[in-house]
Amino acid sequence: MSRPGQDLKEAAARPGSFLQTLRAVAWSFFGVRRGAGYEEDVAKLNPVHVIIAGVIGAALFVLALVLVVNWVIGSGVAGS
């Protein structure tokens, strides 16, 4: 049996690249991921990278929404 913090240390030491993590997080935003791909991600990806990529992805999503709303309001379509 391992110590409580040992599993987290082992998971954080996983060699998954940040690019792989970004790809996995992007697929998760769309909600389309095969079960085998998910299992592979769980085994390979560093959870710290997943958290960072998730925050970056969420910030980009919010920024994109704000830009689209500003564009629609500025174009006059919303205020007819």
Protein backbone atom coordinates (compact mmCIF):
# COMPACT_ATOMS: atom_id res chain seq x y z
CA MET A 1 0.00 0.00 0.00
CA SER A 2 1.33 3.44 -0.87
CA ARG A 3 1.31 6.62 1.14
CA PRO A 4 -1.49 9.12 0.37
CA GLY A 5 0.77 11.66 -1.37
CA GLN A 6 2.79 9.04 -3.22
CA ASP A 7 0.16 8.43 -5.93
CA LEU A 8 -0.03 12.15 -6.69
CA LYS A 9 3.77 12.40 -6.94
CA GLU A 10 3.84 9.42 -9.32
CA ALA A 11 1.07 10.92 -11.46
CA ALA A 12 2.83 14.29 -11.63
CA ALA A 13 5.99 12.55 -12.84
CA ARG A 14 4.27 11.07 -15.92
CA PRO A 15 6.15 11.83 -19.12
CA GLY A 16 3.18 13.02 -21.22
CA SER A 17 3.96 16.09 -23.28
CA PHE A 18 2.09 19.35 -22.88
CA LEU A 19 1.06 19.17 -26.57
CA GLN A 20 -0.60 15.78 -25.96
CA THR A 21 -2.35 17.30 -22.97
CA LEU A 22 -3.61 20.27 -25.02
CA ARG A 23 -4.98 17.87 -27.63
CA ALA A 24 -6.75 15.75 -24.99
CA VAL A 25 -8.26 18.84 -23.34
CA ALA A 26 -9.42 20.18 -26.72
CA TRP A 27 -11.18 16.89 -27.44
CA SER A 28 -12.78 17.00 -24.01
CA PHE A 29 -14.21 20.47 -24.71
CA PHE A 30 -15.99 19.00 -27.74
CA GLY A 31 -17.08 15.92 -25.81
CA VAL A 32 -15.93 13.46 -28.44
CA ARG A 33 -13.37 10.96 -27.20
CA ARG A 34 -13.13 7.22 -27.68
CA GLY A 35 -12.92 5.09 -24.56
CA ALA A 36 -9.52 3.72 -25.58
CA GLY A 37 -8.17 7.25 -26.08
CA TYR A 38 -9.47 8.27 -22.68
CA GLU A 39 -7.79 5.30 -20.99
CA GLU A 40 -4.53 6.10 -22.76
CA ASP A 41 -4.73 9.73 -21.61
CA VAL A 42 -5.38 8.73 -18.01
CA ALA A 43 -2.32 6.50 -18.05
CA LYS A 44 0.07 8.93 -19.78
CA LEU A 45 -0.88 12.53 -19.07
CA ASN A 46 0.48 14.60 -16.23
CA PRO A 47 -2.43 15.90 -14.10
CA VAL A 48 -0.66 19.22 -13.52
CA HIS A 49 -0.51 19.72 -17.29
CA VAL A 50 -4.20 18.82 -17.56
CA ILE A 51 -5.16 21.49 -15.02
CA ILE A 52 -3.03 24.15 -16.71
CA ALA A 53 -4.34 23.22 -20.17
CA GLY A 54 -7.93 23.25 -18.88
CA VAL A 55 -7.55 26.74 -17.44
CA ILE A 56 -5.95 27.98 -20.67
CA GLY A 57 -8.70 26.35 -22.74
CA ALA A 58 -11.45 27.84 -20.59
CA ALA A 59 -9.88 31.30 -20.79
CA LEU A 60 -9.61 31.07 -24.58
CA PHE A 61 -13.23 29.91 -24.79
CA VAL A 62 -14.45 32.85 -22.70
CA LEU A 63 -12.30 35.26 -24.73
CA ALA A 64 -13.75 33.87 -27.97
CA LEU A 65 -17.30 34.32 -26.64
CA VAL A 66 -16.59 37.91 -25.59
CA LEU A 67 -15.11 38.69 -29.02
CA VAL A 68 -18.11 37.18 -30.82
CA VAL A 69 -20.57 39.10 -28.64
CA ASN A 70 -18.69 42.36 -29.20
CA TRP A 71 -18.59 41.70 -32.93
CA VAL A 72 -22.35 40.99 -33.08
CA ILE A 73 -23.20 44.08 -31.02
CA GLY A 74 -20.83 46.24 -33.03
CA SER A 75 -22.22 45.05 -36.37
CA GLY A 76 -25.71 46.28 -35.49
CA VAL A 77 -27.35 42.89 -35.99
CA ALA A 78 -28.38 42.62 -32.35
CA GLY A 79 -29.86 46.10 -32.15
CA SER A 80 -32.26 46.10 -35.09
